[in-house]
Amino acid sequence: MKLSIENLKQGMKWWQQGKWPPDYHNHDYYKFYQDRADGLTEDWLNLTVDRLAQWRAIRSRKPPNTKAEILDLLKTKLPNLRAEYRRILDFSKDEPSTNTVSWQDIDALYRMMADIKNRSPVFASKLGHFIFPKVFIVMDRLGTEVMAYDYYWQGMVNEWSLFADKSVAIDLLKTEIENQSPHTVHGDYPYETKIMELCDIGDKWK
């Protein structure tokens, strides 16, 4: 089991010792949701490609491995991405989250994103996180393990459903964000996916 308070604390320690935002991206989530307010627009796409580069989701030995290449590919996929985005929003009563969607609900969107860059789960998870922060768990070669994303996502979401210390974990992360951020914690801060990511980091680096 990856989800534990011990792993969360270890993951937070690793995060704090690295060059990562001390507010656990709270400030960035204000931007993510604001930029997505009108849906997956051309402006959103340009900003998102910049973020993909900043989050090291584009670099690789094999093309496409430049911002220009990724932007061109995403432009061709944008109508289909919009359709999946809209479909998932339409059946969600609130901001979609791991509590309200199943893998079957997001499988088509994930495959569409992964196909853009050689079926990379790192690229697809980060792009998915920029679209639905509360649904897609970030996978990163430095911090987390890398594996088949469908297997990983379903396993982590199942663990979360069984995790007895959810409220303790959320309170722990919330307190740390409040201590580090000049802003209040965003109302749709993705506690679940961020805790899953941090626990995976803690499990890998403990």
N, C-alpha and C. Protein backbone atom coordinates (compact mmCIF):
# COMPACT_ATOMS: atom_id res chain seq x y z
N MET A 1 0.85 -1.20 0.00
CA MET A 1 0.00 0.00 0.00
C MET A 1 0.89 1.25 0.00
N LYS A 2 0.65 2.12 -0.97
CA LYS A 2 1.43 3.36 -1.04
C LYS A 2 0.85 4.45 -0.14
N LEU A 3 -0.46 4.45 0.06
CA LEU A 3 -1.10 5.54 0.80
C LEU A 3 -0.95 5.31 2.29
N SER A 4 -0.16 6.17 2.91
CA SER A 4 0.01 6.13 4.36
C SER A 4 0.47 7.51 4.80
N ILE A 5 0.24 7.84 6.05
CA ILE A 5 0.71 9.13 6.57
C ILE A 5 2.23 9.17 6.55
N GLU A 6 2.86 8.03 6.82
CA GLU A 6 4.33 7.97 6.78
C GLU A 6 4.85 8.33 5.39
N ASN A 7 4.26 7.71 4.35
CA ASN A 7 4.70 8.01 2.98
C ASN A 7 4.39 9.45 2.60
N LEU A 8 3.25 9.97 3.05
CA LEU A 8 2.90 11.36 2.76
C LEU A 8 3.94 12.31 3.36
N LYS A 9 4.29 12.09 4.60
CA LYS A 9 5.28 12.96 5.25
C LYS A 9 6.63 12.86 4.55
N GLN A 10 7.01 11.65 4.14
CA GLN A 10 8.28 11.47 3.44
C GLN A 10 8.24 12.17 2.08
N GLY A 11 7.10 12.05 1.39
CA GLY A 11 6.94 12.72 0.10
C GLY A 11 6.99 14.23 0.23
N MET A 12 6.37 14.76 1.27
CA MET A 12 6.40 16.20 1.51
C MET A 12 7.81 16.67 1.84
N LYS A 13 8.54 15.86 2.59
CA LYS A 13 9.93 16.19 2.92
C LYS A 13 10.77 16.24 1.65
N TRP A 14 10.61 15.26 0.78
CA TRP A 14 11.34 15.24 -0.49
C TRP A 14 10.99 16.46 -1.32
N TRP A 15 9.70 16.80 -1.36
CA TRP A 15 9.23 17.97 -2.12
C TRP A 15 9.87 19.24 -1.58
N GLN A 16 9.88 19.40 -0.28
CA GLN A 16 10.40 20.62 0.35
C GLN A 16 11.90 20.77 0.15
N GLN A 17 12.60 19.65 -0.02
CA GLN A 17 14.05 19.71 -0.21
C GLN A 17 14.43 19.95 -1.67
N GLY A 18 13.47 19.82 -2.57
CA GLY A 18 13.73 20.03 -3.99
C GLY A 18 13.40 21.44 -4.42
N LYS A 19 13.42 21.66 -5.72
CA LYS A 19 13.14 22.99 -6.28
C LYS A 19 11.69 23.09 -6.72
N TRP A 20 10.80 22.63 -5.87
CA TRP A 20 9.38 22.62 -6.20
C TRP A 20 8.68 23.75 -5.45
N PRO A 21 7.55 24.25 -5.95
CA PRO A 21 6.85 25.34 -5.27
C PRO A 21 6.49 24.95 -3.83
N PRO A 22 6.88 25.76 -2.85
CA PRO A 22 6.62 25.39 -1.45
C PRO A 22 5.14 25.34 -1.10
N ASP A 23 4.30 25.97 -1.93
CA ASP A 23 2.85 25.93 -1.68
C ASP A 23 2.17 24.77 -2.38
N TYR A 24 2.98 23.81 -2.89
CA TYR A 24 2.44 22.62 -3.56
C TYR A 24 1.51 23.01 -4.72
N HIS A 25 1.96 24.02 -5.46
CA HIS A 25 1.27 24.50 -6.67
C HIS A 25 -0.06 25.19 -6.39
N ASN A 26 -0.34 25.56 -5.16
CA ASN A 26 -1.62 26.23 -4.89
C ASN A 26 -1.81 27.46 -5.78
N HIS A 27 -0.78 28.29 -5.89
CA HIS A 27 -0.85 29.49 -6.74
C HIS A 27 -1.10 29.09 -8.19
N ASP A 28 -0.45 28.01 -8.63
CA ASP A 28 -0.61 27.57 -10.01
C ASP A 28 -2.02 27.10 -10.30
N TYR A 29 -2.67 26.47 -9.31
CA TYR A 29 -4.03 25.99 -9.57
C TYR A 29 -5.00 27.14 -9.80
N TYR A 30 -4.77 28.27 -9.18
CA TYR A 30 -5.59 29.45 -9.51
C TYR A 30 -5.47 29.76 -11.00
N LYS A 31 -4.26 29.68 -11.52
CA LYS A 31 -4.04 29.96 -12.94
C LYS A 31 -4.64 28.87 -13.82
N PHE A 32 -4.46 27.61 -13.43
CA PHE A 32 -4.98 26.50 -14.24
C PHE A 32 -6.48 26.63 -14.44
N TYR A 33 -7.20 26.83 -13.34
CA TYR A 33 -8.65 26.91 -13.44
C TYR A 33 -9.10 28.19 -14.17
N GLN A 34 -8.40 29.28 -13.94
CA GLN A 34 -8.74 30.53 -14.64
C GLN A 34 -8.52 30.38 -16.15
N ASP A 35 -7.40 29.80 -16.53
CA ASP A 35 -7.10 29.64 -17.95
C ASP A 35 -8.06 28.68 -18.63
N ARG A 36 -8.63 27.76 -17.87
CA ARG A 36 -9.56 26.77 -18.42
C ARG A 36 -11.01 27.22 -18.32
N ALA A 37 -11.24 28.43 -17.81
CA ALA A 37 -12.60 28.89 -17.53
C ALA A 37 -13.50 28.88 -18.76
N ASP A 38 -12.94 29.14 -19.93
CA ASP A 38 -13.73 29.14 -21.17
C ASP A 38 -13.55 27.85 -21.96
N GLY A 39 -13.05 26.83 -21.30
CA GLY A 39 -12.86 25.55 -21.96
C GLY A 39 -11.48 25.42 -22.57
N LEU A 40 -11.32 24.43 -23.42
CA LEU A 40 -10.02 24.15 -24.04
C LEU A 40 -9.88 24.99 -25.30
N THR A 41 -9.57 26.27 -25.10
CA THR A 41 -9.44 27.23 -26.20
C THR A 41 -8.03 27.22 -26.77
N GLU A 42 -7.84 27.97 -27.84
CA GLU A 42 -6.50 28.12 -28.42
C GLU A 42 -5.55 28.78 -27.41
N ASP A 43 -6.07 29.78 -26.70
CA ASP A 43 -5.23 30.44 -25.69
C ASP A 43 -4.84 29.45 -24.59
N TRP A 44 -5.81 28.66 -24.14
CA TRP A 44 -5.51 27.63 -23.14
C TRP A 44 -4.44 26.69 -23.66
N LEU A 45 -4.53 26.31 -24.92
CA LEU A 45 -3.58 25.37 -25.50
C LEU A 45 -2.16 25.94 -25.47
N ASN A 46 -2.01 27.19 -25.88
CA ASN A 46 -0.68 27.80 -25.89
C ASN A 46 -0.08 27.86 -24.48
N LEU A 47 -0.89 28.25 -23.51
CA LEU A 47 -0.42 28.30 -22.12
C LEU A 47 -0.07 26.91 -21.60
N THR A 48 -0.84 25.93 -22.00
CA THR A 48 -0.64 24.56 -21.53
C THR A 48 0.63 23.95 -22.10
N VAL A 49 0.94 24.24 -23.34
CA VAL A 49 2.19 23.74 -23.92
C VAL A 49 3.39 24.34 -23.18
N ASP A 50 3.29 25.62 -22.83
CA ASP A 50 4.36 26.23 -22.02
C ASP A 50 4.51 25.51 -20.69
N ARG A 51 3.37 25.16 -20.07
CA ARG A 51 3.42 24.47 -18.78
C ARG A 51 3.99 23.06 -18.92
N LEU A 52 3.63 22.39 -20.00
CA LEU A 52 4.17 21.05 -20.24
C LEU A 52 5.69 21.10 -20.32
N ALA A 53 6.21 22.14 -20.94
CA ALA A 53 7.66 22.30 -21.01
C ALA A 53 8.24 22.60 -19.63
N GLN A 54 7.57 23.47 -18.87
CA GLN A 54 8.05 23.82 -17.53
C GLN A 54 8.03 22.61 -16.61
N TRP A 55 7.05 21.73 -16.79
CA TRP A 55 6.92 20.54 -15.95
C TRP A 55 7.69 19.35 -16.53
N ARG A 56 8.56 19.61 -17.48
CA ARG A 56 9.45 18.60 -18.05
C ARG A 56 8.70 17.40 -18.62
N ALA A 57 7.61 17.69 -19.31
CA ALA A 57 6.80 16.62 -19.90
C ALA A 57 7.10 16.42 -21.38
N ILE A 58 7.91 17.30 -21.98
CA ILE A 58 8.15 17.26 -23.42
C ILE A 58 9.49 16.65 -23.76
N ARG A 59 10.48 16.86 -22.90
CA ARG A 59 11.84 16.41 -23.20
C ARG A 59 11.92 14.89 -23.33
N SER A 60 12.59 14.44 -24.37
CA SER A 60 12.87 13.02 -24.55
C SER A 60 13.83 12.88 -25.72
N ARG A 61 14.37 11.68 -25.90
CA ARG A 61 15.27 11.44 -27.01
C ARG A 61 14.53 11.33 -28.34
N LYS A 62 13.29 10.84 -28.26
CA LYS A 62 12.51 10.61 -29.47
C LYS A 62 11.54 11.77 -29.72
N PRO A 63 11.41 12.20 -30.97
CA PRO A 63 10.39 13.20 -31.27
C PRO A 63 9.00 12.59 -31.13
N PRO A 64 8.00 13.42 -30.89
CA PRO A 64 8.05 14.88 -30.76
C PRO A 64 8.64 15.30 -29.42
N ASN A 65 9.65 16.15 -29.46
CA ASN A 65 10.31 16.56 -28.23
C ASN A 65 10.63 18.05 -28.20
N THR A 66 9.85 18.82 -28.96
CA THR A 66 9.96 20.28 -28.90
C THR A 66 8.57 20.87 -28.68
N LYS A 67 8.53 22.07 -28.15
CA LYS A 67 7.24 22.73 -27.93
C LYS A 67 6.48 22.91 -29.24
N ALA A 68 7.20 23.25 -30.31
CA ALA A 68 6.54 23.48 -31.59
C ALA A 68 5.87 22.20 -32.10
N GLU A 69 6.57 21.08 -31.99
CA GLU A 69 6.00 19.81 -32.43
C GLU A 69 4.77 19.43 -31.60
N ILE A 70 4.88 19.57 -30.30
CA ILE A 70 3.76 19.23 -29.42
C ILE A 70 2.57 20.15 -29.69
N LEU A 71 2.83 21.43 -29.89
CA LEU A 71 1.75 22.37 -30.17
C LEU A 71 1.03 22.00 -31.45
N ASP A 72 1.76 21.67 -32.50
CA ASP A 72 1.13 21.30 -33.77
C ASP A 72 0.27 20.05 -33.61
N LEU A 73 0.80 19.06 -32.89
CA LEU A 73 0.04 17.83 -32.69
C LEU A 73 -1.21 18.07 -31.86
N LEU A 74 -1.08 18.88 -30.83
CA LEU A 74 -2.24 19.17 -29.98
C LEU A 74 -3.30 19.97 -30.73
N LYS A 75 -2.88 20.83 -31.63
CA LYS A 75 -3.86 21.59 -32.41
C LYS A 75 -4.73 20.67 -33.25
N THR A 76 -4.13 19.62 -33.79
CA THR A 76 -4.92 18.69 -34.60
C THR A 76 -5.87 17.85 -33.73
N LYS A 77 -5.47 17.64 -32.48
CA LYS A 77 -6.29 16.83 -31.56
C LYS A 77 -7.30 17.67 -30.79
N LEU A 78 -7.17 19.00 -30.84
CA LEU A 78 -7.96 19.86 -29.97
C LEU A 78 -9.47 19.62 -30.08
N PRO A 79 -10.06 19.50 -31.27
CA PRO A 79 -11.51 19.24 -31.33
C PRO A 79 -11.92 17.98 -30.58
N ASN A 80 -11.13 16.91 -30.69
CA ASN A 80 -11.46 15.67 -29.99
C ASN A 80 -11.23 15.79 -28.49
N LEU A 81 -10.17 16.52 -28.11
CA LEU A 81 -9.94 16.76 -26.68
C LEU A 81 -11.09 17.55 -26.08
N ARG A 82 -11.58 18.55 -26.83
CA ARG A 82 -12.71 19.36 -26.36
C ARG A 82 -13.95 18.49 -26.18
N ALA A 83 -14.18 17.59 -27.11
CA ALA A 83 -15.37 16.74 -27.04
C ALA A 83 -15.32 15.85 -25.80
N GLU A 84 -14.16 15.27 -25.51
CA GLU A 84 -14.02 14.42 -24.32
C GLU A 84 -14.12 15.25 -23.04
N TYR A 85 -13.50 16.40 -23.06
CA TYR A 85 -13.57 17.32 -21.92
C TYR A 85 -15.03 17.68 -21.61
N ARG A 86 -15.77 18.03 -22.65
CA ARG A 86 -17.17 18.41 -22.49
C ARG A 86 -18.01 17.24 -22.01
N ARG A 87 -17.74 16.05 -22.55
CA ARG A 87 -18.50 14.86 -22.16
C ARG A 87 -18.33 14.56 -20.68
N ILE A 88 -17.08 14.63 -20.21
CA ILE A 88 -16.81 14.34 -18.80
C ILE A 88 -17.43 15.41 -17.90
N LEU A 89 -17.35 16.67 -18.33
CA LEU A 89 -17.98 17.74 -17.54
C LEU A 89 -19.49 17.57 -17.47
N ASP A 90 -20.09 17.16 -18.56
CA ASP A 90 -21.55 17.09 -18.64
C ASP A 90 -22.14 16.07 -17.67
N PHE A 91 -21.43 14.96 -17.42
CA PHE A 91 -22.01 13.98 -16.50
C PHE A 91 -21.51 14.17 -15.06
N SER A 92 -20.66 15.18 -14.84
CA SER A 92 -20.18 15.47 -13.49
C SER A 92 -20.98 16.63 -12.92
N LYS A 93 -21.47 16.47 -11.71
CA LYS A 93 -22.26 17.52 -11.10
C LYS A 93 -21.40 18.69 -10.64
N ASP A 94 -20.13 18.40 -10.39
CA ASP A 94 -19.19 19.41 -9.92
C ASP A 94 -17.89 19.21 -10.68
N GLU A 95 -16.81 19.87 -10.25
CA GLU A 95 -15.51 19.64 -10.87
C GLU A 95 -15.19 18.14 -10.81
N PRO A 96 -14.93 17.50 -11.95
CA PRO A 96 -14.66 16.05 -11.94
C PRO A 96 -13.48 15.71 -11.04
N SER A 97 -13.59 14.56 -10.38
CA SER A 97 -12.54 14.13 -9.47
C SER A 97 -12.46 12.61 -9.48
N THR A 98 -11.45 12.09 -8.81
CA THR A 98 -11.33 10.63 -8.70
C THR A 98 -12.50 10.02 -7.94
N ASN A 99 -13.24 10.84 -7.23
CA ASN A 99 -14.41 10.34 -6.49
C ASN A 99 -15.65 10.22 -7.37
N THR A 100 -15.61 10.86 -8.55
CA THR A 100 -16.83 10.92 -9.37
C THR A 100 -16.68 10.28 -10.74
N VAL A 101 -15.45 9.91 -11.13
CA VAL A 101 -15.27 9.27 -12.44
C VAL A 101 -14.59 7.93 -12.25
N SER A 102 -14.81 7.05 -13.20
CA SER A 102 -14.14 5.75 -13.24
C SER A 102 -13.10 5.78 -14.36
N TRP A 103 -12.25 4.75 -14.40
CA TRP A 103 -11.28 4.70 -15.49
C TRP A 103 -11.98 4.62 -16.84
N GLN A 104 -13.09 3.91 -16.90
CA GLN A 104 -13.83 3.81 -18.16
C GLN A 104 -14.29 5.20 -18.64
N ASP A 105 -14.57 6.09 -17.71
CA ASP A 105 -15.01 7.43 -18.08
C ASP A 105 -13.89 8.26 -18.72
N ILE A 106 -12.65 8.00 -18.33
CA ILE A 106 -11.54 8.85 -18.78
C ILE A 106 -10.57 8.11 -19.71
N ASP A 107 -10.83 6.86 -19.97
CA ASP A 107 -9.91 6.05 -20.78
C ASP A 107 -9.69 6.65 -22.16
N ALA A 108 -10.75 7.06 -22.83
CA ALA A 108 -10.62 7.61 -24.19
C ALA A 108 -9.80 8.89 -24.17
N LEU A 109 -10.04 9.75 -23.19
CA LEU A 109 -9.26 10.99 -23.08
C LEU A 109 -7.80 10.67 -22.82
N TYR A 110 -7.54 9.73 -21.93
CA TYR A 110 -6.15 9.37 -21.63
C TYR A 110 -5.44 8.85 -22.88
N ARG A 111 -6.05 7.93 -23.59
CA ARG A 111 -5.40 7.35 -24.77
C ARG A 111 -5.14 8.42 -25.82
N MET A 112 -6.06 9.35 -25.97
CA MET A 112 -5.88 10.44 -26.91
C MET A 112 -4.66 11.28 -26.55
N MET A 113 -4.49 11.57 -25.26
CA MET A 113 -3.35 12.36 -24.81
C MET A 113 -2.05 11.58 -24.93
N ALA A 114 -2.07 10.32 -24.55
CA ALA A 114 -0.86 9.50 -24.59
C ALA A 114 -0.36 9.31 -26.01
N ASP A 115 -1.27 9.19 -26.97
CA ASP A 115 -0.88 8.98 -28.37
C ASP A 115 -0.14 10.17 -28.95
N ILE A 116 -0.28 11.33 -28.35
CA ILE A 116 0.41 12.53 -28.85
C ILE A 116 1.92 12.37 -28.71
N LYS A 117 2.36 11.71 -27.65
CA LYS A 117 3.79 11.59 -27.40
C LYS A 117 4.17 10.14 -27.07
N ASN A 118 4.14 9.32 -28.08
CA ASN A 118 4.66 7.95 -27.97
C ASN A 118 4.10 7.17 -26.78
N ARG A 119 2.82 7.41 -26.48
CA ARG A 119 2.13 6.73 -25.38
C ARG A 119 2.81 6.94 -24.02
N SER A 120 3.39 8.11 -23.85
CA SER A 120 4.09 8.42 -22.61
C SER A 120 3.11 8.67 -21.48
N PRO A 121 3.16 7.88 -20.39
CA PRO A 121 2.27 8.13 -19.25
C PRO A 121 2.65 9.41 -18.51
N VAL A 122 3.92 9.80 -18.56
CA VAL A 122 4.34 11.04 -17.90
C VAL A 122 3.70 12.24 -18.61
N PHE A 123 3.83 12.28 -19.93
CA PHE A 123 3.23 13.37 -20.70
C PHE A 123 1.71 13.41 -20.52
N ALA A 124 1.07 12.25 -20.69
CA ALA A 124 -0.39 12.20 -20.63
C ALA A 124 -0.91 12.56 -19.24
N SER A 125 -0.21 12.12 -18.19
CA SER A 125 -0.69 12.42 -16.83
C SER A 125 -0.60 13.91 -16.53
N LYS A 126 0.45 14.56 -17.02
CA LYS A 126 0.61 15.99 -16.76
C LYS A 126 -0.38 16.81 -17.60
N LEU A 127 -0.54 16.45 -18.87
CA LEU A 127 -1.55 17.13 -19.68
C LEU A 127 -2.94 16.92 -19.08
N GLY A 128 -3.23 15.69 -18.67
CA GLY A 128 -4.52 15.41 -18.05
C GLY A 128 -4.72 16.20 -16.77
N HIS A 129 -3.65 16.36 -16.01
CA HIS A 129 -3.72 17.12 -14.76
C HIS A 129 -4.04 18.59 -15.03
N PHE A 130 -3.52 19.13 -16.13
CA PHE A 130 -3.83 20.52 -16.48
C PHE A 130 -5.28 20.67 -16.93
N ILE A 131 -5.86 19.60 -17.45
CA ILE A 131 -7.27 19.64 -17.86
C ILE A 131 -8.18 19.39 -16.67
N PHE A 132 -7.93 18.31 -15.95
CA PHE A 132 -8.73 17.94 -14.78
C PHE A 132 -7.78 17.63 -13.61
N PRO A 133 -7.38 18.65 -12.83
CA PRO A 133 -6.41 18.43 -11.75
C PRO A 133 -6.86 17.41 -10.71
N LYS A 134 -8.17 17.29 -10.49
CA LYS A 134 -8.68 16.41 -9.44
C LYS A 134 -8.92 14.98 -9.95
N VAL A 135 -8.61 14.75 -11.23
CA VAL A 135 -8.81 13.43 -11.82
C VAL A 135 -7.48 12.74 -12.10
N PHE A 136 -6.56 13.44 -12.75
CA PHE A 136 -5.32 12.81 -13.20
C PHE A 136 -4.20 13.01 -12.19
N ILE A 137 -3.61 11.89 -11.76
CA ILE A 137 -2.49 11.89 -10.82
C ILE A 137 -1.20 12.11 -11.62
N VAL A 138 -0.39 13.05 -11.19
CA VAL A 138 0.86 13.33 -11.91
C VAL A 138 1.83 12.17 -11.74
N MET A 139 2.40 11.74 -12.86
CA MET A 139 3.46 10.74 -12.87
C MET A 139 4.72 11.41 -13.39
N ASP A 140 5.85 11.18 -12.73
CA ASP A 140 7.06 11.90 -13.07
C ASP A 140 8.26 10.98 -12.89
N ARG A 141 9.17 10.97 -13.84
CA ARG A 141 10.29 10.03 -13.79
C ARG A 141 11.24 10.30 -12.63
N LEU A 142 11.33 11.55 -12.19
CA LEU A 142 12.20 11.85 -11.08
C LEU A 142 11.53 11.49 -9.75
N GLY A 143 10.31 11.97 -9.56
CA GLY A 143 9.67 11.83 -8.26
C GLY A 143 8.98 10.50 -8.02
N THR A 144 8.17 10.07 -8.96
CA THR A 144 7.32 8.90 -8.76
C THR A 144 7.84 7.72 -9.56
N GLU A 145 7.18 6.59 -9.38
CA GLU A 145 7.41 5.46 -10.26
C GLU A 145 6.73 5.73 -11.59
N VAL A 146 7.16 5.03 -12.63
CA VAL A 146 6.53 5.12 -13.95
C VAL A 146 6.10 3.73 -14.36
N MET A 147 4.84 3.58 -14.66
CA MET A 147 4.28 2.28 -15.05
C MET A 147 3.06 2.50 -15.91
N ALA A 148 2.43 1.44 -16.34
CA ALA A 148 1.21 1.55 -17.13
C ALA A 148 0.20 2.38 -16.36
N TYR A 149 -0.26 3.46 -16.98
CA TYR A 149 -1.04 4.43 -16.23
C TYR A 149 -2.41 3.92 -15.84
N ASP A 150 -3.06 3.13 -16.68
CA ASP A 150 -4.38 2.63 -16.33
C ASP A 150 -4.31 1.75 -15.08
N TYR A 151 -3.30 0.90 -15.02
CA TYR A 151 -3.09 0.05 -13.85
C TYR A 151 -2.80 0.90 -12.61
N TYR A 152 -1.91 1.86 -12.78
CA TYR A 152 -1.52 2.75 -11.68
C TYR A 152 -2.72 3.54 -11.15
N TRP A 153 -3.46 4.17 -12.06
CA TRP A 153 -4.58 5.03 -11.66
C TRP A 153 -5.64 4.24 -10.90
N GLN A 154 -6.01 3.11 -11.45
CA GLN A 154 -7.06 2.31 -10.81
C GLN A 154 -6.60 1.78 -9.45
N GLY A 155 -5.32 1.41 -9.36
CA GLY A 155 -4.80 0.94 -8.08
C GLY A 155 -4.78 2.03 -7.03
N MET A 156 -4.34 3.23 -7.42
CA MET A 156 -4.26 4.33 -6.47
C MET A 156 -5.65 4.80 -6.04
N VAL A 157 -6.57 4.86 -6.97
CA VAL A 157 -7.94 5.28 -6.63
C VAL A 157 -8.59 4.25 -5.72
N ASN A 158 -8.34 2.98 -5.96
CA ASN A 158 -8.88 1.94 -5.09
C ASN A 158 -8.27 2.06 -3.69
N GLU A 159 -6.96 2.30 -3.62
CA GLU A 159 -6.32 2.51 -2.32
C GLU A 159 -6.96 3.69 -1.58
N TRP A 160 -7.22 4.77 -2.32
CA TRP A 160 -7.81 5.95 -1.70
C TRP A 160 -9.17 5.62 -1.09
N SER A 161 -9.95 4.81 -1.79
CA SER A 161 -11.28 4.46 -1.27
C SER A 161 -11.17 3.66 0.04
N LEU A 162 -10.06 2.96 0.23
CA LEU A 162 -9.86 2.15 1.44
C LEU A 162 -9.03 2.86 2.51
N PHE A 163 -8.48 4.00 2.17
CA PHE A 163 -7.54 4.71 3.05
C PHE A 163 -8.28 5.29 4.25
N ALA A 164 -7.94 4.84 5.44
CA ALA A 164 -8.68 5.24 6.64
C ALA A 164 -8.30 6.63 7.13
N ASP A 165 -7.13 7.13 6.69
CA ASP A 165 -6.63 8.41 7.20
C ASP A 165 -6.77 9.55 6.20
N LYS A 166 -7.82 9.50 5.37
CA LYS A 166 -8.02 10.56 4.38
C LYS A 166 -8.03 11.95 5.01
N SER A 167 -8.87 12.14 6.04
CA SER A 167 -9.02 13.46 6.64
C SER A 167 -7.73 13.94 7.29
N VAL A 168 -7.00 13.00 7.90
CA VAL A 168 -5.71 13.36 8.51
C VAL A 168 -4.73 13.82 7.44
N ALA A 169 -4.68 13.09 6.33
CA ALA A 169 -3.78 13.42 5.23
C ALA A 169 -4.13 14.78 4.62
N ILE A 170 -5.41 15.01 4.40
CA ILE A 170 -5.84 16.29 3.82
C ILE A 170 -5.51 17.44 4.76
N ASP A 171 -5.79 17.27 6.05
CA ASP A 171 -5.48 18.32 7.02
C ASP A 171 -3.99 18.61 7.08
N LEU A 172 -3.17 17.57 6.99
CA LEU A 172 -1.72 17.73 7.03
C LEU A 172 -1.23 18.55 5.84
N LEU A 173 -1.71 18.21 4.65
CA LEU A 173 -1.30 18.93 3.45
C LEU A 173 -1.87 20.35 3.44
N LYS A 174 -3.12 20.49 3.84
CA LYS A 174 -3.74 21.81 3.87
C LYS A 174 -2.99 22.76 4.79
N THR A 175 -2.62 22.28 5.96
CA THR A 175 -1.89 23.11 6.92
C THR A 175 -0.56 23.56 6.34
N GLU A 176 0.13 22.66 5.66
CA GLU A 176 1.43 23.01 5.08
C GLU A 176 1.26 24.04 3.97
N ILE A 177 0.22 23.89 3.14
CA ILE A 177 -0.03 24.86 2.07
C ILE A 177 -0.34 26.23 2.68
N GLU A 178 -1.18 26.25 3.70
CA GLU A 178 -1.54 27.52 4.35
C GLU A 178 -0.32 28.20 4.95
N ASN A 179 0.62 27.41 5.43
CA ASN A 179 1.84 27.97 6.01
C ASN A 179 2.78 28.53 4.95
N GLN A 180 2.66 28.03 3.72
CA GLN A 180 3.61 28.39 2.67
C GLN A 180 3.04 29.31 1.61
N SER A 181 1.73 29.48 1.58
CA SER A 181 1.11 30.23 0.48
C SER A 181 0.54 31.57 0.94
N PRO A 182 0.73 32.63 0.16
CA PRO A 182 0.10 33.91 0.49
C PRO A 182 -1.39 33.92 0.16
N HIS A 183 -1.84 32.90 -0.57
CA HIS A 183 -3.25 32.80 -0.96
C HIS A 183 -3.95 31.75 -0.10
N THR A 184 -5.25 31.90 0.03
CA THR A 184 -6.03 30.82 0.64
C THR A 184 -5.96 29.61 -0.30
N VAL A 185 -6.16 28.44 0.26
CA VAL A 185 -6.11 27.24 -0.57
C VAL A 185 -7.28 27.27 -1.56
N HIS A 186 -6.98 27.03 -2.82
CA HIS A 186 -8.02 27.09 -3.86
C HIS A 186 -9.17 26.14 -3.51
N GLY A 187 -10.38 26.59 -3.78
CA GLY A 187 -11.56 25.79 -3.45
C GLY A 187 -11.60 24.44 -4.13
N ASP A 188 -10.94 24.33 -5.29
CA ASP A 188 -10.86 23.06 -5.99
C ASP A 188 -9.43 22.53 -5.99
N TYR A 189 -8.69 22.82 -4.91
CA TYR A 189 -7.35 22.25 -4.82
C TYR A 189 -7.46 20.72 -4.87
N PRO A 190 -6.64 20.07 -5.67
CA PRO A 190 -6.77 18.61 -5.87
C PRO A 190 -6.09 17.79 -4.77
N TYR A 191 -6.64 17.84 -3.57
CA TYR A 191 -6.01 17.15 -2.45
C TYR A 191 -5.77 15.67 -2.74
N GLU A 192 -6.78 15.01 -3.28
CA GLU A 192 -6.66 13.56 -3.46
C GLU A 192 -5.50 13.21 -4.40
N THR A 193 -5.47 13.82 -5.59
CA THR A 193 -4.43 13.46 -6.55
C THR A 193 -3.06 13.92 -6.06
N LYS A 194 -2.99 15.04 -5.35
CA LYS A 194 -1.69 15.50 -4.84
C LYS A 194 -1.19 14.58 -3.72
N ILE A 195 -2.09 14.13 -2.87
CA ILE A 195 -1.69 13.20 -1.80
C ILE A 195 -1.25 11.87 -2.39
N MET A 196 -1.95 11.38 -3.41
CA MET A 196 -1.52 10.15 -4.08
C MET A 196 -0.12 10.32 -4.66
N GLU A 197 0.12 11.44 -5.33
CA GLU A 197 1.44 11.71 -5.90
C GLU A 197 2.51 11.77 -4.81
N LEU A 198 2.24 12.50 -3.74
CA LEU A 198 3.22 12.65 -2.66
C LEU A 198 3.49 11.33 -1.95
N CYS A 199 2.46 10.52 -1.79
CA CYS A 199 2.66 9.20 -1.17
C CYS A 199 3.50 8.29 -2.06
N ASP A 200 3.29 8.38 -3.36
CA ASP A 200 4.10 7.60 -4.29
C ASP A 200 5.56 8.06 -4.21
N ILE A 201 5.77 9.38 -4.16
CA ILE A 201 7.13 9.92 -3.99
C ILE A 201 7.74 9.41 -2.69
N GLY A 202 6.98 9.49 -1.61
CA GLY A 202 7.49 9.04 -0.32
C GLY A 202 7.82 7.57 -0.32
N ASP A 203 6.99 6.75 -0.97
CA ASP A 203 7.23 5.32 -1.03
C ASP A 203 8.50 5.01 -1.82
N LYS A 204 8.74 5.78 -2.88
CA LYS A 204 9.92 5.55 -3.73
C LYS A 204 11.20 6.00 -3.04
N TRP A 205 11.14 7.11 -2.31
CA TRP A 205 12.37 7.73 -1.80
C TRP A 205 12.62 7.49 -0.32
N LYS A 206 11.75 6.76 0.36
CA LYS A 206 11.96 6.58 1.79
C LYS A 206 13.19 5.71 2.08
